[in-house]
């Protein structure tokens, strides 16, 4: 199968998997049921994903790729412009229906591999890149000297807060784009207030 056709077919299968997660939850999702829903063979699903856990790990990676791509596109630019651009992308992804479905699946997984996959493919993969942006912010005198790691953790807290938990539990509906943009802008403003540039730095 050509790469382009395989990619399109994978997106169809993964779209069907999200529909099953929405309708039946983690326990109701099965490879056999997905094969029927996606009109795919069991052989294809097991060859591409291995098993149900492998399928969900692939969904996690693809969802996180949205943010990784946004960060890859901005590696040597103005640090504050980078954060201003990436913040809404990250928050929209985390609060979107797909990320929420994956978090609910992880919470329903008694053995825990999905939770580890979410950490590995999500925050653990993205956080070091944000730390690098914070270091550029320090080097460019936008942020005070200090720990880029602490700055990244603070930014995550200011940006996300408890919003994803509230989405997962159903206490919050998916926010509109205007809210996402305003939240990201405010998080960046507050970050610069918490870590102001050092006095006298050029």
N, C-alpha and C. Protein backbone atom coordinates (compact mmCIF):
# COMPACT_ATOMS: atom_id res chain seq x y z
N UNK A 1 0.84 -1.19 0.00
CA UNK A 1 0.00 0.00 0.00
C UNK A 1 0.88 1.25 0.00
N UNK A 2 0.58 2.19 -0.89
CA UNK A 2 1.35 3.42 -0.94
C UNK A 2 1.23 4.19 0.36
N UNK A 3 2.31 4.94 0.71
CA UNK A 3 2.35 5.65 1.98
C UNK A 3 1.17 6.60 2.14
N UNK A 4 0.84 7.34 1.07
CA UNK A 4 -0.27 8.29 1.14
C UNK A 4 -1.58 7.59 1.41
N UNK A 5 -1.81 6.46 0.72
CA UNK A 5 -3.04 5.70 0.93
C UNK A 5 -3.08 5.09 2.32
N UNK A 6 -1.93 4.61 2.79
CA UNK A 6 -1.87 4.02 4.14
C UNK A 6 -2.18 5.08 5.19
N UNK A 7 -1.63 6.28 5.01
CA UNK A 7 -1.87 7.36 5.97
C UNK A 7 -3.36 7.71 6.00
N UNK A 8 -3.97 7.80 4.84
CA UNK A 8 -5.40 8.11 4.78
C UNK A 8 -6.22 7.01 5.43
N UNK A 9 -5.84 5.75 5.19
CA UNK A 9 -6.57 4.62 5.78
C UNK A 9 -6.38 4.62 7.30
N UNK A 10 -5.17 4.92 7.76
CA UNK A 10 -4.92 4.96 9.20
C UNK A 10 -5.78 6.02 9.87
N UNK A 11 -5.92 7.17 9.22
CA UNK A 11 -6.76 8.23 9.79
C UNK A 11 -8.22 7.80 9.86
N UNK A 12 -8.68 7.04 8.87
CA UNK A 12 -10.06 6.53 8.90
C UNK A 12 -10.25 5.55 10.05
N UNK A 13 -9.30 4.66 10.22
CA UNK A 13 -9.38 3.68 11.30
C UNK A 13 -9.34 4.37 12.66
N UNK A 14 -8.44 5.34 12.80
CA UNK A 14 -8.30 6.03 14.07
C UNK A 14 -9.51 6.91 14.35
N UNK A 15 -10.12 7.47 13.31
CA UNK A 15 -11.37 8.21 13.49
C UNK A 15 -12.47 7.31 14.01
N UNK A 16 -12.55 6.09 13.47
CA UNK A 16 -13.54 5.12 13.95
C UNK A 16 -13.26 4.72 15.39
N UNK A 17 -11.97 4.65 15.76
CA UNK A 17 -11.62 4.30 17.14
C UNK A 17 -12.10 5.38 18.10
N UNK A 18 -11.95 6.64 17.72
CA UNK A 18 -12.44 7.72 18.57
C UNK A 18 -13.96 7.67 18.71
N UNK A 19 -14.65 7.35 17.65
CA UNK A 19 -16.11 7.22 17.72
C UNK A 19 -16.51 6.13 18.70
N UNK A 20 -15.79 5.01 18.66
CA UNK A 20 -16.08 3.92 19.58
C UNK A 20 -15.77 4.31 21.02
N UNK A 21 -14.69 5.04 21.22
CA UNK A 21 -14.38 5.51 22.58
C UNK A 21 -15.48 6.42 23.10
N UNK A 22 -15.97 7.31 22.24
CA UNK A 22 -17.04 8.22 22.65
C UNK A 22 -18.32 7.46 22.98
N UNK A 23 -18.63 6.45 22.18
CA UNK A 23 -19.89 5.73 22.34
C UNK A 23 -19.83 4.62 23.39
N UNK A 24 -18.70 3.93 23.49
CA UNK A 24 -18.63 2.73 24.31
C UNK A 24 -17.59 2.80 25.42
N UNK A 25 -16.74 3.82 25.40
CA UNK A 25 -15.71 3.91 26.41
C UNK A 25 -14.57 2.94 26.16
N UNK A 26 -13.59 2.97 27.07
CA UNK A 26 -12.39 2.15 26.91
C UNK A 26 -12.72 0.66 26.88
N UNK A 27 -13.56 0.21 27.79
CA UNK A 27 -13.87 -1.22 27.87
C UNK A 27 -14.64 -1.70 26.65
N UNK A 28 -15.42 -0.80 26.05
CA UNK A 28 -16.23 -1.20 24.89
C UNK A 28 -15.47 -1.20 23.58
N UNK A 29 -14.24 -0.69 23.59
CA UNK A 29 -13.44 -0.67 22.38
C UNK A 29 -12.70 -1.99 22.24
N UNK A 30 -12.91 -2.66 21.13
CA UNK A 30 -12.19 -3.90 20.85
C UNK A 30 -11.64 -3.83 19.44
N UNK A 31 -10.57 -4.58 19.20
CA UNK A 31 -9.97 -4.59 17.87
C UNK A 31 -10.93 -5.19 16.85
N UNK A 32 -11.67 -6.24 17.25
CA UNK A 32 -12.62 -6.86 16.33
C UNK A 32 -13.76 -5.89 15.99
N UNK A 33 -14.26 -5.21 17.03
CA UNK A 33 -15.32 -4.25 16.80
C UNK A 33 -14.85 -3.09 15.94
N UNK A 34 -13.63 -2.66 16.16
CA UNK A 34 -13.08 -1.57 15.36
C UNK A 34 -12.89 -2.00 13.92
N UNK A 35 -12.46 -3.23 13.71
CA UNK A 35 -12.28 -3.74 12.35
C UNK A 35 -13.61 -3.68 11.59
N UNK A 36 -14.68 -4.06 12.26
CA UNK A 36 -16.01 -4.00 11.61
C UNK A 36 -16.41 -2.56 11.35
N UNK A 37 -16.24 -1.70 12.35
CA UNK A 37 -16.67 -0.31 12.22
C UNK A 37 -15.89 0.42 11.13
N UNK A 38 -14.60 0.11 11.01
CA UNK A 38 -13.74 0.80 10.05
C UNK A 38 -13.67 0.07 8.71
N UNK A 39 -14.37 -1.08 8.63
CA UNK A 39 -14.33 -1.90 7.42
C UNK A 39 -12.88 -2.24 7.05
N UNK A 40 -12.17 -2.68 8.08
CA UNK A 40 -10.77 -3.09 7.91
C UNK A 40 -10.63 -4.53 8.38
N UNK A 41 -9.59 -5.19 7.94
CA UNK A 41 -9.37 -6.57 8.37
C UNK A 41 -8.69 -6.59 9.73
N UNK A 42 -8.96 -7.65 10.48
CA UNK A 42 -8.27 -7.83 11.75
C UNK A 42 -6.76 -7.87 11.54
N UNK A 43 -6.34 -8.51 10.44
CA UNK A 43 -4.92 -8.63 10.13
C UNK A 43 -4.27 -7.26 10.00
N UNK A 44 -4.95 -6.34 9.32
CA UNK A 44 -4.40 -4.99 9.15
C UNK A 44 -4.25 -4.29 10.48
N UNK A 45 -5.29 -4.36 11.32
CA UNK A 45 -5.24 -3.67 12.61
C UNK A 45 -4.12 -4.22 13.48
N UNK A 46 -3.98 -5.54 13.54
CA UNK A 46 -2.95 -6.13 14.41
C UNK A 46 -1.55 -5.89 13.83
N UNK A 47 -1.44 -5.85 12.50
CA UNK A 47 -0.13 -5.59 11.89
C UNK A 47 0.30 -4.14 12.12
N UNK A 48 -0.64 -3.22 12.04
CA UNK A 48 -0.31 -1.81 12.18
C UNK A 48 -0.16 -1.37 13.63
N UNK A 49 -1.00 -1.92 14.51
CA UNK A 49 -1.05 -1.40 15.89
C UNK A 49 -0.64 -2.42 16.95
N UNK A 50 -0.61 -3.68 16.59
CA UNK A 50 -0.23 -4.69 17.56
C UNK A 50 -1.39 -5.18 18.39
N UNK A 51 -1.96 -4.31 19.20
CA UNK A 51 -3.10 -4.66 20.03
C UNK A 51 -3.82 -3.37 20.42
N UNK A 52 -4.79 -3.50 21.31
CA UNK A 52 -5.60 -2.35 21.71
C UNK A 52 -4.74 -1.25 22.35
N UNK A 53 -3.79 -1.65 23.18
CA UNK A 53 -2.91 -0.66 23.80
C UNK A 53 -2.07 0.04 22.75
N UNK A 54 -1.54 -0.73 21.79
CA UNK A 54 -0.75 -0.15 20.71
C UNK A 54 -1.57 0.83 19.88
N UNK A 55 -2.83 0.51 19.66
CA UNK A 55 -3.71 1.41 18.92
C UNK A 55 -3.86 2.74 19.66
N UNK A 56 -4.13 2.67 20.95
CA UNK A 56 -4.33 3.90 21.71
C UNK A 56 -3.03 4.69 21.85
N UNK A 57 -1.90 4.00 21.93
CA UNK A 57 -0.62 4.70 21.95
C UNK A 57 -0.41 5.45 20.64
N UNK A 58 -0.84 4.85 19.52
CA UNK A 58 -0.73 5.52 18.22
C UNK A 58 -1.62 6.76 18.19
N UNK A 59 -2.80 6.67 18.78
CA UNK A 59 -3.69 7.83 18.85
C UNK A 59 -3.05 8.94 19.68
N UNK A 60 -2.42 8.57 20.78
CA UNK A 60 -1.76 9.56 21.64
C UNK A 60 -0.64 10.25 20.88
N UNK A 61 0.18 9.47 20.17
CA UNK A 61 1.30 10.05 19.41
C UNK A 61 0.80 11.01 18.34
N UNK A 62 -0.23 10.61 17.62
CA UNK A 62 -0.74 11.46 16.54
C UNK A 62 -1.31 12.76 17.11
N UNK A 63 -1.99 12.67 18.24
CA UNK A 63 -2.56 13.87 18.85
C UNK A 63 -1.45 14.81 19.32
N UNK A 64 -0.41 14.25 19.94
CA UNK A 64 0.70 15.06 20.42
C UNK A 64 1.52 15.65 19.28
N UNK A 65 1.49 15.00 18.12
CA UNK A 65 2.25 15.49 16.97
C UNK A 65 1.82 16.89 16.56
N UNK A 66 0.58 17.25 16.86
CA UNK A 66 0.09 18.60 16.53
C UNK A 66 0.97 19.64 17.20
N UNK A 67 1.25 19.42 18.48
CA UNK A 67 2.06 20.38 19.24
C UNK A 67 3.52 20.25 18.88
N UNK A 68 4.00 19.01 18.72
CA UNK A 68 5.40 18.82 18.35
C UNK A 68 5.71 19.51 17.02
N UNK A 69 4.77 19.44 16.07
CA UNK A 69 4.99 20.10 14.79
C UNK A 69 5.03 21.61 14.95
N UNK A 70 4.13 22.13 15.78
CA UNK A 70 4.12 23.58 16.02
C UNK A 70 5.44 24.03 16.64
N UNK A 71 6.00 23.22 17.52
CA UNK A 71 7.28 23.56 18.14
C UNK A 71 8.44 23.39 17.16
N UNK A 72 8.36 22.38 16.31
CA UNK A 72 9.42 22.15 15.34
C UNK A 72 9.50 23.28 14.32
N UNK A 73 8.37 23.89 14.04
CA UNK A 73 8.34 24.99 13.09
C UNK A 73 8.96 26.27 13.65
N UNK A 74 9.16 26.29 14.98
CA UNK A 74 9.63 27.51 15.63
C UNK A 74 10.76 27.14 16.60
N UNK A 75 11.96 27.14 16.09
CA UNK A 75 13.08 26.71 16.93
C UNK A 75 14.15 27.77 17.12
N UNK A 76 14.17 28.81 16.32
CA UNK A 76 15.21 29.82 16.44
C UNK A 76 14.65 31.24 16.45
N UNK A 77 13.36 31.38 16.64
CA UNK A 77 12.72 32.69 16.55
C UNK A 77 12.66 33.37 17.91
N UNK A 78 11.99 34.49 17.95
CA UNK A 78 11.73 35.22 19.17
C UNK A 78 10.97 34.30 20.15
N UNK A 79 11.51 34.11 21.33
CA UNK A 79 10.95 33.14 22.28
C UNK A 79 9.52 33.49 22.68
N UNK A 80 9.24 34.77 22.91
CA UNK A 80 7.90 35.14 23.33
C UNK A 80 6.89 34.96 22.20
N UNK A 81 7.31 35.21 20.99
CA UNK A 81 6.44 34.96 19.85
C UNK A 81 6.16 33.47 19.70
N UNK A 82 7.19 32.66 19.98
CA UNK A 82 7.01 31.21 19.91
C UNK A 82 5.99 30.74 20.95
N UNK A 83 6.13 31.21 22.18
CA UNK A 83 5.18 30.82 23.23
C UNK A 83 3.78 31.32 22.90
N UNK A 84 3.68 32.52 22.35
CA UNK A 84 2.38 33.08 21.98
C UNK A 84 1.72 32.24 20.90
N UNK A 85 2.53 31.67 20.01
CA UNK A 85 1.99 30.84 18.93
C UNK A 85 1.66 29.42 19.39
N UNK A 86 2.53 28.86 20.22
CA UNK A 86 2.37 27.46 20.62
C UNK A 86 1.33 27.29 21.73
N UNK A 87 1.21 28.28 22.61
CA UNK A 87 0.26 28.17 23.73
C UNK A 87 -1.15 27.80 23.30
N UNK A 88 -1.76 28.53 22.37
CA UNK A 88 -3.12 28.17 21.95
C UNK A 88 -3.20 26.79 21.30
N UNK A 89 -2.16 26.41 20.55
CA UNK A 89 -2.15 25.09 19.91
C UNK A 89 -2.16 24.00 20.97
N UNK A 90 -1.30 24.15 21.97
CA UNK A 90 -1.22 23.16 23.05
C UNK A 90 -2.52 23.08 23.83
N UNK A 91 -3.06 24.23 24.20
CA UNK A 91 -4.27 24.23 25.02
C UNK A 91 -5.46 23.68 24.23
N UNK A 92 -5.58 24.04 22.97
CA UNK A 92 -6.68 23.54 22.14
C UNK A 92 -6.60 22.02 22.00
N UNK A 93 -5.37 21.50 21.83
CA UNK A 93 -5.21 20.06 21.72
C UNK A 93 -5.59 19.36 23.02
N UNK A 94 -5.10 19.90 24.15
CA UNK A 94 -5.35 19.25 25.44
C UNK A 94 -6.82 19.26 25.83
N UNK A 95 -7.55 20.28 25.41
CA UNK A 95 -8.96 20.40 25.79
C UNK A 95 -9.90 19.89 24.71
N UNK A 96 -9.35 19.44 23.60
CA UNK A 96 -10.16 18.93 22.50
C UNK A 96 -10.73 17.56 22.80
N UNK A 97 -11.71 17.18 22.03
CA UNK A 97 -12.41 15.91 22.25
C UNK A 97 -11.51 14.69 22.21
N UNK A 98 -10.53 14.71 21.33
CA UNK A 98 -9.67 13.53 21.20
C UNK A 98 -8.78 13.34 22.42
N UNK A 99 -8.16 14.42 22.89
CA UNK A 99 -7.32 14.30 24.08
C UNK A 99 -8.14 13.89 25.29
N UNK A 100 -9.35 14.42 25.38
CA UNK A 100 -10.21 14.07 26.52
C UNK A 100 -10.61 12.60 26.45
N UNK A 101 -10.92 12.10 25.26
CA UNK A 101 -11.25 10.68 25.11
C UNK A 101 -10.08 9.80 25.51
N UNK A 102 -8.87 10.21 25.15
CA UNK A 102 -7.69 9.43 25.51
C UNK A 102 -7.42 9.46 27.01
N UNK A 103 -7.63 10.61 27.63
CA UNK A 103 -7.45 10.70 29.08
C UNK A 103 -8.49 9.86 29.82
N UNK A 104 -9.71 9.87 29.33
CA UNK A 104 -10.74 9.03 29.95
C UNK A 104 -10.40 7.56 29.79
N UNK A 105 -9.87 7.18 28.63
CA UNK A 105 -9.47 5.80 28.41
C UNK A 105 -8.35 5.41 29.36
N UNK A 106 -7.38 6.31 29.54
CA UNK A 106 -6.27 6.03 30.45
C UNK A 106 -6.76 5.86 31.87
N UNK A 107 -7.74 6.68 32.27
CA UNK A 107 -8.29 6.57 33.62
C UNK A 107 -9.03 5.26 33.82
N UNK A 108 -9.57 4.70 32.73
CA UNK A 108 -10.33 3.45 32.82
C UNK A 108 -9.47 2.22 32.61
N UNK A 109 -8.17 2.41 32.39
CA UNK A 109 -7.26 1.31 32.12
C UNK A 109 -6.64 0.84 33.44
N UNK A 110 -7.07 -0.31 33.95
CA UNK A 110 -6.62 -0.73 35.27
C UNK A 110 -5.13 -1.07 35.35
N UNK A 111 -4.51 -1.46 34.24
CA UNK A 111 -3.10 -1.86 34.26
C UNK A 111 -2.15 -0.68 34.13
N UNK A 112 -2.64 0.44 33.66
CA UNK A 112 -1.84 1.65 33.63
C UNK A 112 -0.96 1.95 32.45
N UNK A 113 -0.84 1.10 31.40
CA UNK A 113 0.08 1.44 30.31
C UNK A 113 -0.33 2.68 29.53
N UNK A 114 -1.62 2.95 29.47
CA UNK A 114 -2.05 4.14 28.73
C UNK A 114 -1.66 5.42 29.44
N UNK A 115 -1.75 5.41 30.76
CA UNK A 115 -1.33 6.57 31.53
C UNK A 115 0.15 6.84 31.31
N UNK A 116 0.94 5.79 31.27
CA UNK A 116 2.37 5.96 31.03
C UNK A 116 2.63 6.45 29.61
N UNK A 117 1.83 5.94 28.66
CA UNK A 117 1.98 6.38 27.27
C UNK A 117 1.60 7.84 27.12
N UNK A 118 0.56 8.27 27.82
CA UNK A 118 0.17 9.68 27.78
C UNK A 118 1.29 10.57 28.28
N UNK A 119 1.93 10.14 29.36
CA UNK A 119 3.04 10.92 29.91
C UNK A 119 4.23 10.91 28.96
N UNK A 120 4.55 9.74 28.43
CA UNK A 120 5.73 9.59 27.57
C UNK A 120 5.58 10.35 26.26
N UNK A 121 4.44 10.18 25.61
CA UNK A 121 4.23 10.78 24.29
C UNK A 121 3.70 12.21 24.39
N UNK A 122 3.21 12.57 25.56
CA UNK A 122 2.65 13.90 25.73
C UNK A 122 3.60 14.83 26.45
N UNK A 123 3.38 15.00 27.73
CA UNK A 123 4.16 15.99 28.49
C UNK A 123 5.66 15.73 28.46
N UNK A 124 6.07 14.46 28.60
CA UNK A 124 7.50 14.15 28.63
C UNK A 124 8.19 14.49 27.31
N UNK A 125 7.43 14.42 26.22
CA UNK A 125 8.01 14.73 24.91
C UNK A 125 7.99 16.23 24.63
N UNK A 126 6.97 16.91 25.13
CA UNK A 126 6.80 18.33 24.82
C UNK A 126 7.54 19.23 25.81
N UNK A 127 7.56 18.84 27.09
CA UNK A 127 8.15 19.71 28.12
C UNK A 127 9.60 20.11 27.83
N UNK A 128 10.49 19.20 27.42
CA UNK A 128 11.87 19.63 27.15
C UNK A 128 11.95 20.70 26.05
N UNK A 129 11.05 20.65 25.10
CA UNK A 129 11.06 21.66 24.03
C UNK A 129 10.61 23.02 24.56
N UNK A 130 9.66 22.98 25.49
CA UNK A 130 9.22 24.24 26.10
C UNK A 130 10.33 24.80 26.99
N UNK A 131 11.04 23.92 27.68
CA UNK A 131 12.18 24.37 28.50
C UNK A 131 13.20 25.07 27.61
N UNK A 132 13.44 24.54 26.41
CA UNK A 132 14.39 25.16 25.49
C UNK A 132 13.92 26.55 25.06
N UNK A 133 12.60 26.69 24.86
CA UNK A 133 12.06 28.01 24.51
C UNK A 133 12.25 28.98 25.68
N UNK A 134 12.02 28.49 26.90
CA UNK A 134 12.22 29.35 28.07
C UNK A 134 13.67 29.80 28.18
N UNK A 135 14.59 28.89 27.88
CA UNK A 135 16.01 29.27 27.93
C UNK A 135 16.32 30.35 26.91
N UNK A 136 15.69 30.26 25.74
CA UNK A 136 15.87 31.32 24.76
C UNK A 136 15.27 32.63 25.26
N UNK A 137 14.16 32.51 26.00
CA UNK A 137 13.56 33.71 26.59
C UNK A 137 14.48 34.39 27.58
N UNK A 138 15.21 33.57 28.33
CA UNK A 138 16.21 34.11 29.26
C UNK A 138 17.36 34.76 28.47
N UNK A 139 17.86 34.04 27.47
CA UNK A 139 18.98 34.53 26.68
C UNK A 139 18.63 35.82 25.94
N UNK A 140 17.35 35.96 25.55
CA UNK A 140 16.91 37.14 24.82
C UNK A 140 16.43 38.26 25.75
N UNK A 141 16.62 38.06 27.06
CA UNK A 141 16.30 39.06 28.09
C UNK A 141 14.81 39.35 28.23
N UNK A 142 13.98 38.41 27.80
CA UNK A 142 12.55 38.55 28.05
C UNK A 142 12.20 38.08 29.46
N UNK A 143 12.95 37.10 29.95
CA UNK A 143 12.71 36.51 31.26
C UNK A 143 13.96 36.66 32.11
N UNK A 144 13.75 36.71 33.42
CA UNK A 144 14.88 36.86 34.32
C UNK A 144 15.73 35.61 34.37
N UNK A 145 16.98 35.77 34.82
CA UNK A 145 17.83 34.61 34.97
C UNK A 145 17.23 33.70 36.03
N UNK A 146 17.33 32.42 35.81
CA UNK A 146 16.73 31.45 36.72
C UNK A 146 16.61 30.12 36.01
N UNK A 147 15.80 29.26 36.55
CA UNK A 147 15.64 27.92 36.01
C UNK A 147 14.61 27.91 34.88
N UNK A 148 15.06 27.55 33.69
CA UNK A 148 14.13 27.42 32.57
C UNK A 148 13.10 26.33 32.84
N UNK A 149 13.51 25.30 33.60
CA UNK A 149 12.59 24.23 33.98
C UNK A 149 11.46 24.78 34.84
N UNK A 150 11.81 25.61 35.83
CA UNK A 150 10.78 26.21 36.69
C UNK A 150 9.84 27.10 35.88
N UNK A 151 10.40 27.81 34.93
CA UNK A 151 9.59 28.69 34.09
C UNK A 151 8.61 27.88 33.25
N UNK A 152 9.08 26.77 32.70
CA UNK A 152 8.21 25.91 31.91
C UNK A 152 7.08 25.34 32.76
N UNK A 153 7.40 24.87 33.97
CA UNK A 153 6.38 24.32 34.85
C UNK A 153 5.35 25.39 35.21
N UNK A 154 5.83 26.60 35.46
CA UNK A 154 4.92 27.69 35.79
C UNK A 154 4.00 28.01 34.61
N UNK A 155 4.58 28.04 33.43
CA UNK A 155 3.78 28.33 32.23
C UNK A 155 2.71 27.28 32.01
N UNK A 156 3.08 26.00 32.16
CA UNK A 156 2.09 24.93 32.02
C UNK A 156 0.94 25.13 33.02
N UNK A 157 1.28 25.45 34.26
CA UNK A 157 0.26 25.65 35.29
C UNK A 157 -0.65 26.83 34.96
N UNK A 158 -0.03 27.93 34.52
CA UNK A 158 -0.82 29.11 34.18
C UNK A 158 -1.70 28.86 32.96
N UNK A 159 -1.19 28.10 32.01
CA UNK A 159 -1.92 27.85 30.77
C UNK A 159 -3.05 26.84 30.97
N UNK A 160 -2.75 25.74 31.62
CA UNK A 160 -3.70 24.62 31.68
C UNK A 160 -4.50 24.61 32.96
N UNK A 161 -3.85 24.89 34.10
CA UNK A 161 -4.55 24.86 35.38
C UNK A 161 -5.28 23.54 35.58
N UNK A 162 -6.56 23.63 35.98
CA UNK A 162 -7.35 22.42 36.17
C UNK A 162 -8.34 22.19 35.03
N UNK A 163 -8.13 22.89 33.92
CA UNK A 163 -9.09 22.83 32.82
C UNK A 163 -9.25 21.43 32.25
N UNK A 164 -8.12 20.71 32.07
CA UNK A 164 -8.23 19.39 31.48
C UNK A 164 -8.94 18.41 32.42
N UNK A 165 -8.66 18.51 33.70
CA UNK A 165 -9.36 17.67 34.68
C UNK A 165 -10.86 17.93 34.62
N UNK A 166 -11.24 19.19 34.55
CA UNK A 166 -12.66 19.54 34.48
C UNK A 166 -13.29 19.05 33.19
N UNK A 167 -12.52 19.05 32.10
CA UNK A 167 -13.04 18.52 30.83
C UNK A 167 -13.23 17.01 30.94
N UNK A 168 -12.25 16.31 31.51
CA UNK A 168 -12.33 14.86 31.62
C UNK A 168 -13.51 14.44 32.47
N UNK A 169 -13.78 15.17 33.55
CA UNK A 169 -14.88 14.81 34.45
C UNK A 169 -16.24 15.31 33.96
N UNK A 170 -16.24 16.07 32.86
CA UNK A 170 -17.50 16.55 32.32
C UNK A 170 -17.99 17.84 32.95
N UNK A 171 -17.18 18.44 33.81
CA UNK A 171 -17.59 19.69 34.46
C UNK A 171 -17.43 20.90 33.55
N UNK A 172 -16.71 20.73 32.45
CA UNK A 172 -16.45 21.84 31.53
C UNK A 172 -16.64 21.37 30.11
N UNK A 173 -17.37 22.16 29.32
CA UNK A 173 -17.50 21.84 27.90
C UNK A 173 -16.28 22.36 27.15
N UNK A 174 -16.13 21.93 25.91
CA UNK A 174 -14.96 22.34 25.13
C UNK A 174 -14.99 23.85 24.90
N UNK A 175 -13.93 24.56 25.30
CA UNK A 175 -13.93 26.02 25.19
C UNK A 175 -13.85 26.48 23.73
N UNK A 176 -14.35 27.68 23.49
CA UNK A 176 -14.27 28.29 22.16
C UNK A 176 -12.85 28.80 21.92
N UNK A 177 -12.54 29.02 20.65
CA UNK A 177 -11.20 29.48 20.27
C UNK A 177 -10.84 30.81 20.92
N UNK A 178 -11.81 31.71 21.05
CA UNK A 178 -11.53 33.01 21.67
C UNK A 178 -11.05 32.84 23.10
N UNK A 179 -11.68 31.93 23.83
CA UNK A 179 -11.27 31.67 25.21
C UNK A 179 -9.85 31.09 25.22
N UNK A 180 -9.59 30.16 24.32
CA UNK A 180 -8.25 29.54 24.24
C UNK A 180 -7.19 30.61 24.03
N UNK A 181 -7.44 31.50 23.08
CA UNK A 181 -6.47 32.55 22.77
C UNK A 181 -6.26 33.49 23.95
N UNK A 182 -7.36 33.89 24.58
CA UNK A 182 -7.26 34.79 25.72
C UNK A 182 -6.52 34.14 26.88
N UNK A 183 -6.80 32.88 27.13
CA UNK A 183 -6.13 32.16 28.21
C UNK A 183 -4.63 32.06 27.95
N UNK A 184 -4.26 31.74 26.73
CA UNK A 184 -2.84 31.62 26.39
C UNK A 184 -2.13 32.96 26.51
N UNK A 185 -2.79 34.02 26.08
CA UNK A 185 -2.20 35.36 26.19
C UNK A 185 -1.99 35.75 27.64
N UNK A 186 -2.98 35.48 28.48
CA UNK A 186 -2.88 35.81 29.90
C UNK A 186 -1.79 34.99 30.58
N UNK A 187 -1.67 33.71 30.21
CA UNK A 187 -0.64 32.86 30.80
C UNK A 187 0.75 33.42 30.50
N UNK A 188 0.95 33.90 29.29
CA UNK A 188 2.24 34.46 28.92
C UNK A 188 2.52 35.77 29.65
N UNK A 189 1.50 36.59 29.77
CA UNK A 189 1.66 37.85 30.51
C UNK A 189 2.02 37.58 31.97
N UNK A 190 1.35 36.62 32.57
CA UNK A 190 1.62 36.31 33.98
C UNK A 190 2.99 35.67 34.14
N UNK A 191 3.42 34.87 33.17
CA UNK A 191 4.76 34.28 33.23
C UNK A 191 5.81 35.38 33.29
N UNK A 192 5.65 36.40 32.47
CA UNK A 192 6.63 37.49 32.43
C UNK A 192 6.56 38.35 33.70
N UNK A 193 5.41 38.33 34.37
CA UNK A 193 5.30 39.03 35.65
C UNK A 193 6.01 38.26 36.75
N UNK A 194 5.87 36.94 36.71
CA UNK A 194 6.51 36.09 37.73
C UNK A 194 8.03 36.06 37.54
N UNK A 195 8.49 36.07 36.29
CA UNK A 195 9.92 36.01 35.98
C UNK A 195 10.33 37.23 35.15
N UNK A 196 10.30 38.42 35.76
CA UNK A 196 10.64 39.62 34.99
C UNK A 196 12.12 39.64 34.62
N UNK A 197 12.45 40.37 33.54
CA UNK A 197 13.88 40.46 33.15
C UNK A 197 14.70 41.05 34.28
N UNK A 198 15.94 40.61 34.38
CA UNK A 198 16.84 41.16 35.40
C UNK A 198 17.13 42.64 35.10
N UNK A 199 17.12 43.46 36.12
CA UNK A 199 17.42 44.89 35.96
C UNK A 199 18.84 45.06 35.44
N UNK A 200 18.98 45.93 34.47
CA UNK A 200 20.30 46.23 33.96
C UNK A 200 20.80 45.32 32.87
N UNK A 201 20.04 44.28 32.53
CA UNK A 201 20.47 43.40 31.43
C UNK A 201 20.18 44.07 30.10
N UNK A 202 21.06 43.87 29.14
CA UNK A 202 20.86 44.43 27.81
C UNK A 202 19.79 43.63 27.08
